[in-house]
């Protein structure tokens, strides 16, 4: 990340916690760069996506559960990467000239990898790709507004933190799915919720852009 406009940072309460500050300081002291953390987030998303995909193609109930928990864990690890890349860049003063690229590009790749993986796991790749595409669209509308001088709009109902919370929660619930539903039901519903919620998020953000532009006259 580089030359970061603090007004364009996603508001995160975790950024002000002692544990986050301590971890960011440790990473900075070890010479870990913000760009490397951003790039690592794609690796965590790849592991999550592969784990979700594998969960739908193993015969053992225990194997399914293990892959689902692994996928959920790496979804949260992805969010930690997203937290620490900005903190190391801003608070530790280690921004780089190409930082803006690595701040945004890996997130779009990560969304696609995770949702495609979930789609493969439940046997519905098209739905997974649709959820990923709608996720990318939410980011596009936010950046569109910021690019024309408006305040960045991080509102939901399905912004990145909400999407990852949804997938993580659905994966954990799916571990116990044999007790109450057919295999893949919970994750399939999570994809529908993510896709529809992200589409509504993009529409809300686009509507706000239009309203703000009309106010400009």
C-alpha atoms as a PDB file:
ATOM      1  CA  UNK A   1       0.000   0.000   0.000  1.00  0.00           C
ATOM      2  CA  UNK A   2       1.262   3.485  -0.756  1.00  0.00           C
ATOM      3  CA  UNK A   3       0.233   7.096  -0.329  1.00  0.00           C
ATOM      4  CA  UNK A   4      -2.906   5.983   1.464  1.00  0.00           C
ATOM      5  CA  UNK A   5      -5.692   8.443   1.942  1.00  0.00           C
ATOM      6  CA  UNK A   6      -6.848   7.630   5.461  1.00  0.00           C
ATOM      7  CA  UNK A   7     -10.340   8.810   4.561  1.00  0.00           C
ATOM      8  CA  UNK A   8     -10.530   5.909   2.118  1.00  0.00           C
ATOM      9  CA  UNK A   9      -9.748   3.207   4.698  1.00  0.00           C
ATOM     10  CA  UNK A  10     -12.453   0.796   5.674  1.00  0.00           C
ATOM     11  CA  UNK A  11     -13.510   1.583   9.279  1.00  0.00           C
ATOM     12  CA  UNK A  12     -12.463  -1.381  11.434  1.00  0.00           C
ATOM     13  CA  UNK A  13     -12.694  -1.477  15.204  1.00  0.00           C
ATOM     14  CA  UNK A  14     -10.109  -4.284  15.285  1.00  0.00           C
ATOM     15  CA  UNK A  15      -7.518  -1.843  13.974  1.00  0.00           C
ATOM     16  CA  UNK A  16      -7.540  -0.045  17.331  1.00  0.00           C
ATOM     17  CA  UNK A  17      -6.982  -3.142  19.450  1.00  0.00           C
ATOM     18  CA  UNK A  18      -3.722  -3.886  21.232  1.00  0.00           C
ATOM     19  CA  UNK A  19      -3.377  -7.341  19.715  1.00  0.00           C
ATOM     20  CA  UNK A  20      -3.671  -5.984  16.162  1.00  0.00           C
ATOM     21  CA  UNK A  21      -1.164  -3.219  16.855  1.00  0.00           C
ATOM     22  CA  UNK A  22       1.220  -5.744  18.389  1.00  0.00           C
ATOM     23  CA  UNK A  23       0.966  -8.126  15.442  1.00  0.00           C
ATOM     24  CA  UNK A  24       1.442  -5.326  12.924  1.00  0.00           C
ATOM     25  CA  UNK A  25       4.497  -4.060  14.799  1.00  0.00           C
ATOM     26  CA  UNK A  26       5.943  -7.586  14.914  1.00  0.00           C
ATOM     27  CA  UNK A  27       5.447  -8.030  11.173  1.00  0.00           C
ATOM     28  CA  UNK A  28       7.048  -4.661  10.458  1.00  0.00           C
ATOM     29  CA  UNK A  29      10.022  -5.445  12.695  1.00  0.00           C
ATOM     30  CA  UNK A  30      10.523  -8.741  10.846  1.00  0.00           C
ATOM     31  CA  UNK A  31      10.751  -6.856   7.560  1.00  0.00           C
ATOM     32  CA  UNK A  32       7.448  -8.119   6.181  1.00  0.00           C
ATOM     33  CA  UNK A  33       6.153  -5.626   3.618  1.00  0.00           C
ATOM     34  CA  UNK A  34       2.519  -4.586   3.167  1.00  0.00           C
ATOM     35  CA  UNK A  35       2.603  -5.798  -0.426  1.00  0.00           C
ATOM     36  CA  UNK A  36       3.804  -9.236   0.675  1.00  0.00           C
ATOM     37  CA  UNK A  37       0.923  -9.447   3.141  1.00  0.00           C
ATOM     38  CA  UNK A  38      -1.546  -8.428   0.428  1.00  0.00           C
ATOM     39  CA  UNK A  39      -0.109 -11.055  -1.900  1.00  0.00           C
ATOM     40  CA  UNK A  40      -0.277 -13.657   0.865  1.00  0.00           C
ATOM     41  CA  UNK A  41      -4.002 -12.987   1.162  1.00  0.00           C
ATOM     42  CA  UNK A  42      -4.460 -14.538  -2.281  1.00  0.00           C
ATOM     43  CA  UNK A  43      -2.647 -17.624  -1.019  1.00  0.00           C
ATOM     44  CA  UNK A  44      -4.972 -17.904   1.958  1.00  0.00           C
ATOM     45  CA  UNK A  45      -7.978 -17.516  -0.338  1.00  0.00           C
ATOM     46  CA  UNK A  46      -6.616 -20.219  -2.639  1.00  0.00           C
ATOM     47  CA  UNK A  47      -6.245 -22.628   0.283  1.00  0.00           C
ATOM     48  CA  UNK A  48      -9.769 -21.783   1.453  1.00  0.00           C
ATOM     49  CA  UNK A  49     -11.198 -22.287  -2.026  1.00  0.00           C
ATOM     50  CA  UNK A  50      -9.426 -25.605  -2.520  1.00  0.00           C
ATOM     51  CA  UNK A  51     -10.566 -26.781   0.917  1.00  0.00           C
ATOM     52  CA  UNK A  52     -14.188 -25.897   0.178  1.00  0.00           C
ATOM     53  CA  UNK A  53     -13.990 -27.589  -3.220  1.00  0.00           C
ATOM     54  CA  UNK A  54     -12.456 -30.720  -1.671  1.00  0.00           C
ATOM     55  CA  UNK A  55     -15.157 -30.864   1.013  1.00  0.00           C
ATOM     56  CA  UNK A  56     -17.677 -31.863  -1.614  1.00  0.00           C
ATOM     57  CA  UNK A  57     -15.595 -34.690  -3.010  1.00  0.00           C
ATOM     58  CA  UNK A  58     -14.539 -36.793  -0.046  1.00  0.00           C
ATOM     59  CA  UNK A  59     -16.437 -39.784   1.236  1.00  0.00           C
ATOM     60  CA  UNK A  60     -15.664 -39.484   4.931  1.00  0.00           C
ATOM     61  CA  UNK A  61     -17.823 -37.315   7.188  1.00  0.00           C
ATOM     62  CA  UNK A  62     -14.720 -36.492   9.176  1.00  0.00           C
ATOM     63  CA  UNK A  63     -12.880 -35.543   5.999  1.00  0.00           C
ATOM     64  CA  UNK A  64     -15.694 -33.219   4.970  1.00  0.00           C
ATOM     65  CA  UNK A  65     -15.666 -31.579   8.390  1.00  0.00           C
ATOM     66  CA  UNK A  66     -11.893 -31.156   8.342  1.00  0.00           C
ATOM     67  CA  UNK A  67     -11.939 -29.453   4.935  1.00  0.00           C
ATOM     68  CA  UNK A  68     -14.819 -27.182   5.943  1.00  0.00           C
ATOM     69  CA  UNK A  69     -13.033 -26.075   9.111  1.00  0.00           C
ATOM     70  CA  UNK A  70      -9.822 -25.535   7.129  1.00  0.00           C
ATOM     71  CA  UNK A  71     -11.694 -23.389   4.623  1.00  0.00           C
ATOM     72  CA  UNK A  72     -13.332 -21.340   7.374  1.00  0.00           C
ATOM     73  CA  UNK A  73      -9.984 -20.819   9.104  1.00  0.00           C
ATOM     74  CA  UNK A  74      -8.293 -19.557   5.942  1.00  0.00           C
ATOM     75  CA  UNK A  75     -11.206 -17.210   5.193  1.00  0.00           C
ATOM     76  CA  UNK A  76     -10.502 -15.549   8.528  1.00  0.00           C
ATOM     77  CA  UNK A  77      -6.765 -15.607   7.833  1.00  0.00           C
ATOM     78  CA  UNK A  78      -7.513 -13.748   4.619  1.00  0.00           C
ATOM     79  CA  UNK A  79      -9.253 -11.027   6.630  1.00  0.00           C
ATOM     80  CA  UNK A  80      -6.252 -10.790   8.957  1.00  0.00           C
ATOM     81  CA  UNK A  81      -4.016 -10.238   5.935  1.00  0.00           C
ATOM     82  CA  UNK A  82      -6.376  -7.485   4.811  1.00  0.00           C
ATOM     83  CA  UNK A  83      -6.107  -5.909   8.255  1.00  0.00           C
ATOM     84  CA  UNK A  84      -2.351  -6.124   8.665  1.00  0.00           C
ATOM     85  CA  UNK A  85      -1.304  -4.964   5.193  1.00  0.00           C
ATOM     86  CA  UNK A  86      -2.874  -1.571   5.854  1.00  0.00           C
ATOM     87  CA  UNK A  87      -1.578  -1.336   9.401  1.00  0.00           C
ATOM     88  CA  UNK A  88       1.983  -2.164   8.390  1.00  0.00           C
ATOM     89  CA  UNK A  89       1.747   0.348   5.555  1.00  0.00           C
ATOM     90  CA  UNK A  90       0.239   3.211   7.547  1.00  0.00           C
ATOM     91  CA  UNK A  91       1.057   2.752  11.197  1.00  0.00           C
ATOM     92  CA  UNK A  92       4.515   1.289  10.552  1.00  0.00           C
ATOM     93  CA  UNK A  93       5.248   3.630   7.644  1.00  0.00           C
ATOM     94  CA  UNK A  94       6.222   0.905   5.163  1.00  0.00           C
ATOM     95  CA  UNK A  95       4.124   1.894   2.159  1.00  0.00           C
ATOM     96  CA  UNK A  96       5.407   1.256  -1.369  1.00  0.00           C
ATOM     97  CA  UNK A  97       4.837   3.008  -4.730  1.00  0.00           C
ATOM     98  CA  UNK A  98       2.856   0.071  -6.122  1.00  0.00           C
ATOM     99  CA  UNK A  99       0.885  -0.361  -2.920  1.00  0.00           C
ATOM    100  CA  UNK A 100      -2.497   0.797  -4.277  1.00  0.00           C
ATOM    101  CA  UNK A 101      -2.440  -2.042  -6.810  1.00  0.00           C
ATOM    102  CA  UNK A 102      -1.719  -4.688  -4.168  1.00  0.00           C
ATOM    103  CA  UNK A 103      -4.262  -3.168  -1.821  1.00  0.00           C
ATOM    104  CA  UNK A 104      -7.155  -3.839  -4.204  1.00  0.00           C
ATOM    105  CA  UNK A 105      -6.218  -6.475  -6.792  1.00  0.00           C
ATOM    106  CA  UNK A 106      -5.686  -9.408  -4.372  1.00  0.00           C
ATOM    107  CA  UNK A 107      -9.085  -8.832  -2.784  1.00  0.00           C
ATOM    108  CA  UNK A 108     -10.854  -9.313  -6.082  1.00  0.00           C
ATOM    109  CA  UNK A 109      -8.888 -12.487  -6.813  1.00  0.00           C
ATOM    110  CA  UNK A 110      -9.568 -13.751  -3.297  1.00  0.00           C
ATOM    111  CA  UNK A 111     -13.330 -13.280  -3.584  1.00  0.00           C
ATOM    112  CA  UNK A 112     -13.407 -15.269  -6.808  1.00  0.00           C
ATOM    113  CA  UNK A 113     -11.198 -18.058  -5.469  1.00  0.00           C
ATOM    114  CA  UNK A 114     -13.245 -18.544  -2.311  1.00  0.00           C
ATOM    115  CA  UNK A 115     -16.682 -18.433  -3.880  1.00  0.00           C
ATOM    116  CA  UNK A 116     -15.642 -20.570  -6.842  1.00  0.00           C
ATOM    117  CA  UNK A 117     -14.305 -23.109  -4.354  1.00  0.00           C
ATOM    118  CA  UNK A 118     -17.569 -23.156  -2.453  1.00  0.00           C
ATOM    119  CA  UNK A 119     -19.430 -23.537  -5.732  1.00  0.00           C
ATOM    120  CA  UNK A 120     -17.277 -26.492  -6.759  1.00  0.00           C
ATOM    121  CA  UNK A 121     -17.803 -28.062  -3.362  1.00  0.00           C
ATOM    122  CA  UNK A 122     -21.591 -27.994  -3.646  1.00  0.00           C
ATOM    123  CA  UNK A 123     -21.606 -28.900  -7.329  1.00  0.00           C
ATOM    124  CA  UNK A 124     -22.740 -25.489  -8.554  1.00  0.00           C
ATOM    125  CA  UNK A 125     -19.739 -23.612  -9.954  1.00  0.00           C
ATOM    126  CA  UNK A 126     -21.984 -21.131 -11.794  1.00  0.00           C
ATOM    127  CA  UNK A 127     -23.560 -20.001  -8.541  1.00  0.00           C
ATOM    128  CA  UNK A 128     -20.148 -19.684  -6.916  1.00  0.00           C
ATOM    129  CA  UNK A 129     -18.865 -17.580  -9.804  1.00  0.00           C
ATOM    130  CA  UNK A 130     -22.008 -15.434  -9.646  1.00  0.00           C
ATOM    131  CA  UNK A 131     -21.377 -14.735  -5.955  1.00  0.00           C
ATOM    132  CA  UNK A 132     -17.764 -13.905  -6.771  1.00  0.00           C
ATOM    133  CA  UNK A 133     -18.768 -11.615  -9.624  1.00  0.00           C
ATOM    134  CA  UNK A 134     -21.259  -9.737  -7.454  1.00  0.00           C
ATOM    135  CA  UNK A 135     -18.547  -9.366  -4.805  1.00  0.00           C
ATOM    136  CA  UNK A 136     -16.239  -7.784  -7.374  1.00  0.00           C
ATOM    137  CA  UNK A 137     -19.076  -5.482  -8.440  1.00  0.00           C
ATOM    138  CA  UNK A 138     -19.490  -4.160  -4.891  1.00  0.00           C
ATOM    139  CA  UNK A 139     -15.815  -3.189  -4.846  1.00  0.00           C
ATOM    140  CA  UNK A 140     -16.100  -1.643  -8.295  1.00  0.00           C
ATOM    141  CA  UNK A 141     -18.940   0.647  -7.275  1.00  0.00           C
ATOM    142  CA  UNK A 142     -17.024   1.704  -4.141  1.00  0.00           C
ATOM    143  CA  UNK A 143     -13.925   2.519  -6.158  1.00  0.00           C
ATOM    144  CA  UNK A 144     -16.017   4.235  -8.837  1.00  0.00           C
ATOM    145  CA  UNK A 145     -17.374   6.641  -6.255  1.00  0.00           C
ATOM    146  CA  UNK A 146     -13.950   7.273  -4.746  1.00  0.00           C
ATOM    147  CA  UNK A 147     -12.474   7.774  -8.211  1.00  0.00           C
ATOM    148  CA  UNK A 148     -14.841  10.640  -8.975  1.00  0.00           C
ATOM    149  CA  UNK A 149     -14.181  12.351  -5.678  1.00  0.00           C
ATOM    150  CA  UNK A 150     -16.945  10.955  -3.478  1.00  0.00           C
ATOM    151  CA  UNK A 151     -16.457   9.423  -0.058  1.00  0.00           C
ATOM    152  CA  UNK A 152     -15.892   5.663  -0.328  1.00  0.00           C
ATOM    153  CA  UNK A 153     -19.031   3.722   0.490  1.00  0.00           C
ATOM    154  CA  UNK A 154     -18.374   0.629   2.604  1.00  0.00           C
ATOM    155  CA  UNK A 155     -22.013  -0.065   3.438  1.00  0.00           C
ATOM    156  CA  UNK A 156     -23.553  -3.532   3.100  1.00  0.00           C
ATOM    157  CA  UNK A 157     -25.595  -5.562   3.456  1.00  0.00           C
ATOM    158  CA  UNK A 158     -22.869  -7.752   1.955  1.00  0.00           C
ATOM    159  CA  UNK A 159     -19.546  -5.924   2.097  1.00  0.00           C
ATOM    160  CA  UNK A 160     -16.328  -7.947   2.399  1.00  0.00           C
ATOM    161  CA  UNK A 161     -16.446  -8.508   6.187  1.00  0.00           C
ATOM    162  CA  UNK A 162     -20.058  -9.669   5.956  1.00  0.00           C
ATOM    163  CA  UNK A 163     -19.281 -11.981   3.030  1.00  0.00           C
ATOM    164  CA  UNK A 164     -16.440 -13.668   4.874  1.00  0.00           C
ATOM    165  CA  UNK A 165     -18.505 -13.928   8.052  1.00  0.00           C
ATOM    166  CA  UNK A 166     -21.283 -15.562   6.034  1.00  0.00           C
ATOM    167  CA  UNK A 167     -18.976 -18.115   4.385  1.00  0.00           C
ATOM    168  CA  UNK A 168     -17.172 -18.857   7.643  1.00  0.00           C
ATOM    169  CA  UNK A 169     -20.400 -19.322   9.578  1.00  0.00           C
ATOM    170  CA  UNK A 170     -21.942 -21.439   6.843  1.00  0.00           C
ATOM    171  CA  UNK A 171     -18.861 -23.675   6.708  1.00  0.00           C
ATOM    172  CA  UNK A 172     -18.936 -24.267  10.464  1.00  0.00           C
ATOM    173  CA  UNK A 173     -22.671 -24.964  10.344  1.00  0.00           C
ATOM    174  CA  UNK A 174     -22.168 -27.339   7.424  1.00  0.00           C
ATOM    175  CA  UNK A 175     -19.904 -29.468   9.605  1.00  0.00           C
ATOM    176  CA  UNK A 176     -23.059 -30.499  11.467  1.00  0.00           C
ATOM    177  CA  UNK A 177     -25.220 -30.570   8.346  1.00  0.00           C
ATOM    178  CA  UNK A 178     -25.684 -34.383   8.319  1.00  0.00           C
ATOM    179  CA  UNK A 179     -27.760 -33.950  11.470  1.00  0.00           C
ATOM    180  CA  UNK A 180     -30.406 -31.723   9.890  1.00  0.00           C
ATOM    181  CA  UNK A 181     -30.089 -31.352   6.105  1.00  0.00           C
ATOM    182  CA  UNK A 182     -28.766 -32.857   2.877  1.00  0.00           C
ATOM    183  CA  UNK A 183     -25.099 -32.343   2.090  1.00  0.00           C
ATOM    184  CA  UNK A 184     -24.341 -28.976   0.523  1.00  0.00           C
ATOM    185  CA  UNK A 185     -27.590 -27.306   1.535  1.00  0.00           C
ATOM    186  CA  UNK A 186     -26.102 -24.737   3.924  1.00  0.00           C
ATOM    187  CA  UNK A 187     -23.259 -23.689   1.634  1.00  0.00           C
ATOM    188  CA  UNK A 188     -25.590 -23.501  -1.362  1.00  0.00           C
ATOM    189  CA  UNK A 189     -27.867 -21.149   0.555  1.00  0.00           C
ATOM    190  CA  UNK A 190     -24.849 -19.113   1.621  1.00  0.00           C
ATOM    191  CA  UNK A 191     -23.914 -18.636  -2.038  1.00  0.00           C
ATOM    192  CA  UNK A 192     -27.417 -17.423  -2.882  1.00  0.00           C
ATOM    193  CA  UNK A 193     -27.360 -15.029   0.068  1.00  0.00           C
ATOM    194  CA  UNK A 194     -23.903 -13.770  -0.880  1.00  0.00           C
ATOM    195  CA  UNK A 195     -24.825 -13.263  -4.532  1.00  0.00           C
ATOM    196  CA  UNK A 196     -28.124 -11.510  -3.863  1.00  0.00           C
ATOM    197  CA  UNK A 197     -26.747  -9.534  -0.929  1.00  0.00           C
ATOM    198  CA  UNK A 198     -23.715  -8.374  -2.888  1.00  0.00           C
ATOM    199  CA  UNK A 199     -25.922  -7.361  -5.816  1.00  0.00           C
ATOM    200  CA  UNK A 200     -28.094  -5.295  -3.452  1.00  0.00           C
ATOM    201  CA  UNK A 201     -24.935  -3.782  -1.964  1.00  0.00           C
ATOM    202  CA  UNK A 202     -23.723  -2.715  -5.399  1.00  0.00           C
ATOM    203  CA  UNK A 203     -27.131  -1.235  -6.220  1.00  0.00           C
ATOM    204  CA  UNK A 204     -27.201   0.724  -2.929  1.00  0.00           C
ATOM    205  CA  UNK A 205     -23.729   2.087  -3.558  1.00  0.00           C
ATOM    206  CA  UNK A 206     -24.555   2.985  -7.157  1.00  0.00           C
ATOM    207  CA  UNK A 207     -27.724   4.757  -6.034  1.00  0.00           C
ATOM    208  CA  UNK A 208     -25.733   6.772  -3.519  1.00  0.00           C
ATOM    209  CA  UNK A 209     -23.242   7.758  -6.200  1.00  0.00           C
ATOM    210  CA  UNK A 210     -26.070   8.984  -8.394  1.00  0.00           C
ATOM    211  CA  UNK A 211     -27.643  10.918  -5.522  1.00  0.00           C
ATOM    212  CA  UNK A 212     -24.348  12.570  -4.576  1.00  0.00           C
ATOM    213  CA  UNK A 213     -23.613  13.510  -8.192  1.00  0.00           C
ATOM    214  CA  UNK A 214     -27.069  15.081  -8.578  1.00  0.00           C
ATOM    215  CA  UNK A 215     -26.450  17.083  -5.399  1.00  0.00           C
ATOM    216  CA  UNK A 216     -23.304  18.444  -6.994  1.00  0.00           C
ATOM    217  CA  UNK A 217     -25.470  19.901  -9.684  1.00  0.00           C
END
